[in-house]
N, C-alpha and C. Protein backbone atom coordinates (compact mmCIF):
# COMPACT_ATOMS: atom_id res chain seq x y z
N MET A 1 -2.99 -2.37 13.66
CA MET A 1 -3.78 -1.16 13.67
C MET A 1 -5.14 -1.31 13.47
N LYS A 2 -6.21 -0.64 13.37
CA LYS A 2 -7.64 -0.69 13.25
C LYS A 2 -7.71 0.80 12.21
N VAL A 3 -8.14 0.13 11.19
CA VAL A 3 -8.68 1.12 9.94
C VAL A 3 -10.64 0.79 9.66
N LYS A 4 -10.70 1.80 9.02
CA LYS A 4 -12.10 1.90 8.31
C LYS A 4 -11.70 1.27 6.88
N ILE A 5 -12.85 0.33 5.99
CA ILE A 5 -12.29 0.53 4.58
C ILE A 5 -14.62 0.35 4.32
N LEU A 6 -14.46 0.71 2.72
CA LEU A 6 -16.23 0.94 2.28
C LEU A 6 -16.10 -0.11 2.13
N LYS A 7 -17.60 -0.92 2.04
CA LYS A 7 -18.81 -1.89 1.42
C LYS A 7 -18.79 -1.79 1.35
N VAL A 8 -18.84 -1.57 -0.72
CA VAL A 8 -19.28 -1.04 -1.39
C VAL A 8 -20.28 -1.70 -1.62
N SER A 9 -20.53 -2.53 -1.77
CA SER A 9 -22.23 -2.73 -1.78
C SER A 9 -23.27 -1.85 -0.87
N THR A 10 -23.01 -1.59 0.24
CA THR A 10 -23.75 -0.55 1.03
C THR A 10 -23.50 0.15 1.39
N LYS A 11 -22.76 0.89 1.11
CA LYS A 11 -21.78 2.25 1.03
C LYS A 11 -21.62 2.40 2.53
N GLU A 12 -21.13 1.72 3.43
CA GLU A 12 -20.69 1.88 5.45
C GLU A 12 -19.72 1.80 5.20
N LEU A 13 -19.60 1.79 5.74
CA LEU A 13 -17.34 1.63 6.64
C LEU A 13 -17.88 0.28 8.17
N ALA A 14 -16.43 -0.50 7.07
CA ALA A 14 -16.59 -1.27 8.16
C ALA A 14 -15.24 -1.55 8.41
N GLY A 15 -14.98 -2.19 9.49
CA GLY A 15 -13.95 -2.00 10.45
C GLY A 15 -13.08 -3.20 9.61
N ALA A 16 -12.01 -2.70 10.03
CA ALA A 16 -10.25 -3.62 9.04
C ALA A 16 -9.29 -2.90 10.11
N ILE A 17 -7.90 -4.47 9.84
CA ILE A 17 -7.65 -4.38 10.49
C ILE A 17 -5.79 -4.90 9.33
N ILE A 18 -4.49 -4.21 10.01
CA ILE A 18 -3.58 -4.19 9.07
C ILE A 18 -2.62 -4.32 9.30
N ARG A 19 -1.84 -6.03 9.68
CA ARG A 19 -1.55 -6.21 10.98
C ARG A 19 -0.44 -7.33 10.59
N ASN A 20 0.75 -7.56 10.56
CA ASN A 20 1.90 -8.42 10.10
C ASN A 20 1.24 -9.99 9.30
N GLY A 21 1.41 -9.45 8.08
CA GLY A 21 1.37 -11.19 7.27
C GLY A 21 2.51 -11.98 7.87
N LYS A 22 2.03 -13.38 7.37
CA LYS A 22 3.38 -14.38 8.07
C LYS A 22 3.40 -15.39 6.62
N LEU A 23 4.26 -15.83 6.07
CA LEU A 23 4.69 -16.45 5.16
C LEU A 23 3.54 -17.32 5.08
N PRO A 24 2.54 -18.11 5.11
CA PRO A 24 2.11 -19.25 5.08
C PRO A 24 0.66 -18.47 4.10
N GLU A 25 0.56 -17.50 4.40
CA GLU A 25 -0.99 -16.70 4.69
C GLU A 25 -0.75 -15.95 2.75
N MET A 26 0.88 -15.51 2.64
CA MET A 26 0.39 -14.70 1.30
C MET A 26 -0.21 -14.99 0.43
N PRO A 27 -0.62 -14.17 -0.15
CA PRO A 27 -1.24 -14.48 -1.57
C PRO A 27 -0.09 -14.79 -2.80
N SER A 28 -0.21 -15.52 -3.62
CA SER A 28 0.88 -15.12 -4.60
C SER A 28 -0.15 -15.12 -6.37
N ILE A 29 0.77 -15.09 -7.29
CA ILE A 29 -0.11 -15.45 -8.72
C ILE A 29 -0.81 -16.44 -8.60
N GLN A 30 -0.31 -17.42 -8.62
CA GLN A 30 -1.48 -18.44 -8.65
C GLN A 30 -3.23 -18.16 -8.29
N GLU A 31 -2.75 -17.46 -6.83
CA GLU A 31 -4.47 -17.20 -6.39
C GLU A 31 -5.03 -15.55 -6.96
N ASN A 32 -4.79 -15.83 -8.58
CA ASN A 32 -4.84 -14.45 -9.07
C ASN A 32 -4.39 -12.84 -8.48
N TRP A 33 -3.00 -12.64 -8.24
CA TRP A 33 -2.71 -11.95 -7.57
C TRP A 33 -1.82 -11.75 -8.80
N ARG A 34 -1.50 -10.29 -8.58
CA ARG A 34 -0.67 -9.49 -9.32
C ARG A 34 1.01 -10.12 -9.36
N PHE A 35 1.31 -10.13 -7.37
CA PHE A 35 2.18 -10.54 -7.27
C PHE A 35 2.38 -11.71 -6.43
N ASN A 36 4.15 -11.91 -5.95
CA ASN A 36 3.82 -13.40 -5.62
C ASN A 36 4.85 -12.70 -4.01
N PHE A 37 3.59 -12.22 -3.38
CA PHE A 37 3.82 -11.62 -2.03
C PHE A 37 4.73 -13.17 -0.95
N ASN A 38 4.45 -14.41 -1.47
CA ASN A 38 4.97 -15.10 -0.85
C ASN A 38 6.82 -15.09 -1.12
N LYS A 39 6.88 -14.65 -2.35
CA LYS A 39 7.99 -14.29 -2.43
C LYS A 39 8.77 -12.71 -1.96
N HIS A 40 8.27 -12.50 -2.28
CA HIS A 40 8.80 -11.26 -2.00
C HIS A 40 8.53 -10.91 0.02
N ILE A 41 8.45 -11.49 0.22
CA ILE A 41 8.38 -11.04 2.72
C ILE A 41 9.81 -11.71 2.42
N LYS A 42 10.41 -11.99 1.37
CA LYS A 42 12.23 -12.11 2.08
C LYS A 42 12.69 -11.44 1.59
N LEU A 43 12.21 -10.01 0.93
CA LEU A 43 13.23 -9.32 0.28
C LEU A 43 13.77 -8.52 2.12
N PRO A 44 15.15 -8.21 2.02
CA PRO A 44 16.52 -8.14 3.21
C PRO A 44 15.69 -6.91 3.45
N ASN A 45 15.82 -7.13 4.78
CA ASN A 45 15.33 -5.58 5.21
C ASN A 45 13.58 -5.32 5.46
N SER A 46 13.20 -6.09 4.93
CA SER A 46 11.55 -5.69 4.92
C SER A 46 10.52 -6.78 6.04
N SER A 47 9.43 -6.30 5.40
CA SER A 47 8.15 -6.32 6.33
C SER A 47 7.03 -6.73 5.85
N ALA A 48 6.64 -7.88 6.00
CA ALA A 48 4.79 -7.98 5.54
C ALA A 48 3.85 -6.91 6.31
N TYR A 49 2.78 -6.79 5.67
CA TYR A 49 1.80 -6.62 6.17
C TYR A 49 -0.26 -6.91 4.74
N VAL A 50 -0.85 -6.93 6.16
CA VAL A 50 -1.46 -7.08 5.45
C VAL A 50 -3.08 -7.37 5.89
N LEU A 51 -3.82 -6.59 4.92
CA LEU A 51 -5.29 -6.18 5.66
C LEU A 51 -6.39 -6.55 5.74
N ILE A 52 -7.39 -7.13 6.83
CA ILE A 52 -8.74 -7.81 6.76
C ILE A 52 -9.59 -7.29 6.85
N ALA A 53 -10.68 -7.07 6.90
CA ALA A 53 -11.74 -6.77 7.14
C ALA A 53 -12.09 -7.59 8.50
N GLU A 54 -12.75 -7.39 9.67
CA GLU A 54 -13.38 -7.78 10.81
C GLU A 54 -14.08 -9.01 10.63
N GLU A 55 -15.25 -8.28 9.70
CA GLU A 55 -16.13 -9.60 9.40
C GLU A 55 -15.83 -10.63 8.67
N SER A 56 -14.51 -11.17 7.86
CA SER A 56 -14.40 -11.89 7.60
C SER A 56 -12.81 -12.00 7.73
N PRO A 57 -11.95 -12.38 8.86
CA PRO A 57 -10.76 -12.05 8.97
C PRO A 57 -9.82 -13.11 8.41
N GLN A 58 -10.50 -14.35 8.01
CA GLN A 58 -9.65 -15.04 7.05
C GLN A 58 -9.68 -14.98 4.84
N ILE A 59 -10.12 -13.74 5.33
CA ILE A 59 -9.44 -13.05 4.04
C ILE A 59 -8.79 -12.06 3.13
N ILE A 60 -7.85 -12.17 2.86
CA ILE A 60 -6.53 -11.12 2.52
C ILE A 60 -7.21 -9.74 1.46
N GLU A 61 -7.03 -9.18 2.04
CA GLU A 61 -8.41 -7.74 1.30
C GLU A 61 -6.57 -7.34 0.24
N GLY A 62 -5.86 -6.76 1.21
CA GLY A 62 -4.36 -6.10 0.81
C GLY A 62 -3.42 -6.92 1.24
N CYS A 63 -1.78 -6.27 0.56
CA CYS A 63 -1.00 -6.88 1.11
C CYS A 63 0.49 -5.52 0.73
N LEU A 64 0.99 -5.58 1.33
CA LEU A 64 2.41 -4.55 1.44
C LEU A 64 3.34 -5.36 2.25
N ILE A 65 4.72 -4.49 1.31
CA ILE A 65 6.18 -4.69 1.32
C ILE A 65 6.66 -3.68 1.76
N PHE A 66 6.94 -3.75 2.47
CA PHE A 66 7.87 -2.42 3.28
C PHE A 66 9.17 -3.16 3.96
N GLN A 67 9.70 -2.09 2.90
CA GLN A 67 11.10 -2.20 3.45
C GLN A 67 12.31 -1.51 4.02
N LEU A 68 13.19 -1.02 4.52
CA LEU A 68 14.31 0.19 4.99
C LEU A 68 15.55 -0.37 4.38
N ASN A 69 15.34 1.10 2.93
CA ASN A 69 16.67 0.34 2.33
C ASN A 69 17.24 1.31 2.52
N GLU A 70 18.59 0.55 2.77
CA GLU A 70 20.66 0.76 3.34
C GLU A 70 20.16 1.81 4.81
N LYS A 71 19.19 0.70 5.31
CA LYS A 71 19.45 0.66 6.59
C LYS A 71 18.52 1.73 7.48
N SER A 72 17.86 3.52 6.37
CA SER A 72 17.34 4.56 6.62
C SER A 72 16.51 4.78 5.42
N ILE A 73 15.95 4.66 4.48
CA ILE A 73 15.05 4.81 3.10
C ILE A 73 14.04 3.84 3.28
N PRO A 74 12.86 4.70 3.75
CA PRO A 74 11.52 3.77 3.40
C PRO A 74 11.32 3.40 2.31
N TYR A 75 10.48 2.41 2.40
CA TYR A 75 10.34 2.20 0.27
C TYR A 75 9.23 1.05 0.20
N MET A 76 8.33 1.61 -0.06
CA MET A 76 7.59 0.78 -0.54
C MET A 76 7.45 -0.32 -1.34
N ALA A 77 7.97 -1.27 -1.17
CA ALA A 77 8.39 -2.26 -2.13
C ALA A 77 7.39 -2.92 -2.77
N TYR A 78 5.90 -3.25 -2.44
CA TYR A 78 4.86 -4.10 -3.71
C TYR A 78 3.63 -3.85 -2.57
N VAL A 79 2.61 -2.95 -3.26
CA VAL A 79 1.39 -2.75 -2.61
C VAL A 79 0.12 -3.27 -3.44
N GLU A 80 0.23 -3.77 -3.34
CA GLU A 80 -1.84 -4.43 -3.67
C GLU A 80 -2.82 -4.59 -3.42
N ILE A 81 -4.27 -4.96 -3.96
CA ILE A 81 -4.94 -4.76 -3.30
C ILE A 81 -5.64 -6.09 -4.13
N ALA A 82 -6.59 -7.24 -3.37
CA ALA A 82 -7.27 -8.28 -3.75
C ALA A 82 -7.80 -8.09 -4.72
N PRO A 83 -7.21 -9.34 -5.61
CA PRO A 83 -8.81 -8.97 -6.97
C PRO A 83 -9.88 -8.78 -6.51
N ARG A 84 -10.33 -9.38 -5.63
CA ARG A 84 -12.06 -9.38 -5.63
C ARG A 84 -12.22 -7.55 -5.66
N ASN A 85 -10.70 -6.86 -5.64
CA ASN A 85 -11.21 -5.30 -4.60
C ASN A 85 -11.17 -4.49 -5.74
N LYS A 86 -10.63 -5.02 -7.42
CA LYS A 86 -10.48 -4.21 -8.29
C LYS A 86 -11.61 -4.35 -8.75
N GLY A 87 -11.53 -3.47 -10.06
CA GLY A 87 -12.57 -3.20 -11.48
C GLY A 87 -13.76 -2.91 -10.26
N ASN A 88 -14.90 -2.82 -11.56
CA ASN A 88 -16.55 -2.07 -11.32
C ASN A 88 -17.48 -2.22 -10.33
N LYS A 89 -16.73 -4.29 -9.84
CA LYS A 89 -17.56 -4.74 -9.04
C LYS A 89 -16.49 -5.32 -7.89
N LYS A 90 -16.03 -4.55 -7.40
CA LYS A 90 -15.15 -4.13 -6.32
C LYS A 90 -15.90 -4.68 -4.66
N PHE A 91 -15.52 -5.18 -4.04
CA PHE A 91 -16.26 -5.30 -2.16
C PHE A 91 -16.28 -4.49 -1.52
N TYR A 92 -14.60 -4.17 -1.65
CA TYR A 92 -14.31 -3.16 -0.78
C TYR A 92 -13.58 -1.65 -1.55
N ASP A 93 -13.47 -0.70 -1.00
CA ASP A 93 -12.58 0.07 -1.19
C ASP A 93 -11.72 1.18 -0.48
N TYR A 94 -11.20 1.38 0.02
CA TYR A 94 -9.74 2.49 0.46
C TYR A 94 -8.98 1.07 1.80
N VAL A 95 -8.70 0.33 0.38
CA VAL A 95 -7.94 -0.99 0.99
C VAL A 95 -6.15 -0.19 0.86
N GLY A 96 -6.26 0.00 -0.47
CA GLY A 96 -5.07 0.20 -1.33
C GLY A 96 -4.30 2.02 -0.57
N GLY A 97 -5.85 2.70 -0.21
CA GLY A 97 -5.13 3.73 0.51
C GLY A 97 -5.45 4.01 2.36
N CYS A 98 -5.27 2.69 2.89
CA CYS A 98 -5.23 2.38 3.68
C CYS A 98 -3.40 1.90 3.94
N LEU A 99 -3.10 0.18 2.79
CA LEU A 99 -2.01 0.28 3.21
C LEU A 99 -0.73 1.19 2.68
N ILE A 100 -1.42 1.85 1.25
CA ILE A 100 0.18 3.05 1.31
C ILE A 100 0.35 3.99 2.89
N ALA A 101 -0.83 4.97 3.13
CA ALA A 101 -0.97 5.48 4.48
C ALA A 101 0.24 4.60 5.35
N TYR A 102 -0.41 3.07 5.23
CA TYR A 102 0.55 2.81 6.94
C TYR A 102 1.88 2.65 6.69
N ALA A 103 2.26 2.65 5.31
CA ALA A 103 4.06 2.77 4.88
C ALA A 103 4.20 3.86 4.97
N PHE A 104 4.11 5.25 4.73
CA PHE A 104 3.86 6.33 4.97
C PHE A 104 4.23 7.11 6.74
N LYS A 105 2.92 5.97 7.66
CA LYS A 105 2.82 5.37 8.87
C LYS A 105 4.91 5.10 8.93
N LEU A 106 4.39 3.84 8.57
CA LEU A 106 5.82 3.03 8.80
C LEU A 106 6.97 4.46 8.66
N GLY A 107 7.66 5.29 7.42
CA GLY A 107 8.84 5.24 6.72
C GLY A 107 8.71 7.10 8.43
N LEU A 108 7.51 6.96 8.95
CA LEU A 108 8.06 8.02 10.42
C LEU A 108 8.54 7.43 10.56
N ILE A 109 7.81 6.23 11.67
CA ILE A 109 8.62 5.98 12.73
C ILE A 109 10.24 5.11 12.34
N ARG A 110 10.03 4.45 11.45
CA ARG A 110 11.39 3.84 10.94
C ARG A 110 13.14 4.57 9.91
N GLY A 111 12.37 5.74 9.43
CA GLY A 111 13.13 6.11 8.47
C GLY A 111 13.85 7.09 9.05
N LYS A 112 15.03 7.40 8.86
CA LYS A 112 16.44 7.75 9.32
C LYS A 112 16.49 9.42 9.13
N GLY A 113 16.88 10.13 9.54
CA GLY A 113 17.67 11.80 8.95
C GLY A 113 16.74 12.55 7.94
N LEU A 114 17.23 12.29 6.80
CA LEU A 114 16.08 13.28 5.62
C LEU A 114 15.60 12.53 5.74
N TYR A 115 15.72 11.06 5.56
CA TYR A 115 14.53 10.07 5.07
C TYR A 115 13.15 10.21 6.00
N LYS A 116 13.45 10.52 6.88
CA LYS A 116 12.50 10.40 7.93
C LYS A 116 10.90 10.92 7.47
N GLY A 117 9.20 11.12 6.98
CA GLY A 117 8.60 11.49 6.54
C GLY A 117 8.37 11.42 4.75
N MET A 118 9.25 10.33 4.38
CA MET A 118 9.10 10.47 3.14
C MET A 118 9.04 8.29 2.75
N LEU A 119 8.49 7.81 2.01
CA LEU A 119 8.19 7.12 1.47
C LEU A 119 8.06 7.27 -0.35
N PHE A 120 9.11 6.33 -0.64
CA PHE A 120 9.96 6.20 -1.68
C PHE A 120 8.75 4.61 -2.18
N PHE A 121 8.37 5.21 -3.31
CA PHE A 121 8.10 3.80 -3.91
C PHE A 121 8.59 3.75 -5.58
N ASP A 122 8.57 2.83 -6.48
CA ASP A 122 8.80 2.90 -8.23
C ASP A 122 7.46 2.26 -8.87
N VAL A 123 7.81 2.56 -9.99
CA VAL A 123 6.30 2.14 -10.85
C VAL A 123 6.52 1.48 -11.69
N GLN A 124 6.62 0.43 -11.54
CA GLN A 124 7.13 -0.31 -13.12
C GLN A 124 5.87 -1.44 -13.54
N GLU A 125 5.97 -0.77 -15.03
CA GLU A 125 4.78 -1.07 -15.52
C GLU A 125 5.17 -1.97 -17.18
N SER A 126 4.43 -2.65 -17.37
CA SER A 126 5.15 -2.61 -18.67
C SER A 126 4.75 -2.17 -19.64
N ASN A 127 3.70 -1.62 -20.04
CA ASN A 127 3.40 -0.74 -20.58
C ASN A 127 3.94 0.36 -20.31
N ALA A 128 4.16 1.41 -21.68
CA ALA A 128 4.47 3.07 -20.93
C ALA A 128 3.06 4.05 -20.64
N GLU A 129 1.61 3.36 -21.55
CA GLU A 129 0.68 3.95 -21.22
C GLU A 129 -0.03 3.82 -20.21
N ASP A 130 0.30 2.75 -19.43
CA ASP A 130 -0.21 2.29 -18.24
C ASP A 130 0.62 2.74 -16.84
N GLN A 131 2.04 2.48 -17.13
CA GLN A 131 2.88 3.45 -16.02
C GLN A 131 2.51 4.78 -16.01
N ILE A 132 2.27 5.44 -16.86
CA ILE A 132 1.32 6.70 -17.12
C ILE A 132 0.61 7.04 -16.78
N LYS A 133 -0.27 6.11 -17.30
CA LYS A 133 -1.57 6.26 -15.48
C LYS A 133 -1.65 5.74 -14.50
N LEU A 134 -1.05 4.86 -13.90
CA LEU A 134 -0.44 4.71 -12.71
C LEU A 134 0.34 5.56 -12.03
N MET A 135 0.47 6.41 -12.97
CA MET A 135 1.46 7.27 -11.75
C MET A 135 0.52 8.40 -11.43
N GLY A 136 0.13 8.98 -12.43
CA GLY A 136 -0.59 9.74 -12.93
C GLY A 136 -1.83 9.80 -11.02
N MET A 137 -2.40 8.22 -11.00
CA MET A 137 -3.23 8.35 -10.26
C MET A 137 -2.32 8.28 -8.64
N TYR A 138 -1.35 7.64 -8.82
CA TYR A 138 -0.10 7.80 -7.68
C TYR A 138 -0.67 9.26 -6.76
N SER A 139 0.02 9.60 -7.92
CA SER A 139 -0.54 12.18 -7.34
C SER A 139 -1.49 12.08 -7.35
N GLN A 140 -3.12 11.66 -8.53
CA GLN A 140 -3.97 12.46 -7.67
C GLN A 140 -4.49 12.00 -6.81
N LYS A 141 -4.50 10.77 -6.43
CA LYS A 141 -4.78 9.70 -5.30
C LYS A 141 -4.36 9.39 -4.24
N TYR A 142 -2.79 9.71 -4.35
CA TYR A 142 -2.24 9.20 -2.49
C TYR A 142 -1.12 10.54 -2.52
N ASN A 143 -1.33 11.12 -2.97
CA ASN A 143 -0.55 12.75 -2.72
C ASN A 143 1.59 12.09 -3.69
N ALA A 144 1.07 11.16 -3.87
CA ALA A 144 2.51 11.09 -4.36
C ALA A 144 3.62 11.76 -5.83
N LYS A 145 4.98 12.19 -5.73
CA LYS A 145 5.77 13.13 -6.72
C LYS A 145 6.31 12.63 -7.37
N LEU A 146 6.65 12.31 -8.88
CA LEU A 146 7.77 12.02 -9.25
C LEU A 146 9.28 13.13 -9.29
N LEU A 147 9.97 11.42 -8.82
CA LEU A 147 11.02 11.78 -7.99
C LEU A 147 12.32 12.65 -8.96
N GLU A 148 12.13 11.89 -10.29
CA GLU A 148 12.66 12.67 -11.85
C GLU A 148 12.54 12.59 -12.96
N LYS A 149 12.11 13.42 -13.50
CA LYS A 149 11.21 13.25 -14.66
C LYS A 149 12.10 12.44 -15.72
N GLY A 150 11.19 11.16 -16.31
CA GLY A 150 11.37 10.66 -16.94
C GLY A 150 12.53 8.89 -16.18
N LYS A 151 11.97 9.20 -14.77
CA LYS A 151 12.43 8.32 -14.14
C LYS A 151 10.92 7.55 -13.74
N THR A 152 11.20 6.15 -12.68
CA THR A 152 9.95 5.44 -12.43
C THR A 152 10.15 5.45 -10.77
N THR A 153 10.80 6.56 -10.05
CA THR A 153 10.97 5.97 -9.00
C THR A 153 9.85 7.38 -8.44
N MET A 154 8.70 7.73 -7.36
CA MET A 154 7.47 8.58 -7.04
C MET A 154 8.34 8.33 -5.39
N VAL A 155 7.81 9.47 -4.82
CA VAL A 155 7.65 9.93 -3.90
C VAL A 155 7.29 10.16 -3.04
N ILE A 156 6.19 10.45 -0.99
CA ILE A 156 5.74 10.96 -0.53
C ILE A 156 5.93 11.32 0.41
N THR A 157 6.13 12.55 0.88
CA THR A 157 6.64 13.47 1.75
C THR A 157 5.67 13.80 3.05
N ASP A 158 6.10 14.67 3.58
CA ASP A 158 5.46 15.19 4.83
C ASP A 158 3.61 15.54 4.91
N SER A 159 3.52 17.15 3.54
CA SER A 159 2.16 16.90 3.96
C SER A 159 1.20 16.09 3.29
N GLY A 160 1.93 15.66 2.14
CA GLY A 160 0.84 14.43 1.69
C GLY A 160 1.19 13.31 2.28
N GLY A 161 1.84 12.94 3.08
CA GLY A 161 1.18 11.60 4.14
C GLY A 161 0.58 11.76 4.97
N ASP A 162 0.94 13.30 5.91
CA ASP A 162 0.17 13.73 6.76
C ASP A 162 -1.36 13.06 6.43
N ASP A 163 -1.74 13.98 5.05
CA ASP A 163 -3.19 13.80 4.87
C ASP A 163 -3.24 12.69 4.69
N LEU A 164 -2.68 11.62 4.32
CA LEU A 164 -3.54 10.04 3.85
C LEU A 164 -3.62 9.62 4.93
N ILE A 165 -2.56 10.02 6.29
CA ILE A 165 -2.83 9.27 7.59
C ILE A 165 -4.60 9.78 8.25
N ASN A 166 -4.33 10.73 7.92
CA ASN A 166 -5.88 11.40 8.60
C ASN A 166 -6.83 10.83 7.37
N ARG A 167 -6.98 10.42 6.03
CA ARG A 167 -7.86 10.48 5.38
C ARG A 167 -8.09 9.27 5.29
N TYR A 168 -7.12 8.14 5.57
CA TYR A 168 -7.16 6.43 5.38
C TYR A 168 -6.98 5.76 7.44
N LEU A 169 -5.93 6.16 7.75
CA LEU A 169 -5.88 5.30 9.47
C LEU A 169 -6.34 6.56 10.49
N ASN A 170 -6.70 7.67 10.25
CA ASN A 170 -7.77 8.04 10.66
C ASN A 170 -9.50 8.56 11.16
N ARG A 171 -9.87 7.93 10.39
CA ARG A 171 -11.34 8.20 9.13
C ARG A 171 -11.69 7.03 11.35
N LYS A 172 -13.17 8.14 11.70
CA LYS A 172 -13.96 7.19 12.13
C LYS A 172 -15.41 6.59 11.36
């Protein structure tokens, strides 16, 4: 799927593609990523996706592992932007938003019954303060809601997900 991401240095939109990820190309902790995508690609009922910029297709800008739990529940198992897209000197912006919106879109397509139009995920940080901060960011930036107070599962539903699709996947 073609999307647009923001090249921070020029403030211009750049063409990018979200496509299926292949095991040999999946990044890992050894490459300064937080997750071992080359290990998590093997989760049951899961699909891996990478986001690459059209101008540098050899560089993975972000990764997503999407699962269909119990063969009906859309679940974003892992999502991460490349180390070069974090912090004050990031190369691209909108990478995370594009991947999360894409995961929601997958949930619309693959979710079953009551779970169609929902995307579930867990926020699990070792530090409680970091976890609260990250949950707040998911709520504010990506329309996620905490499923149950005191727990870590969040959900993006219909209207919030539609907003993400319009904001990140349908950008011209």
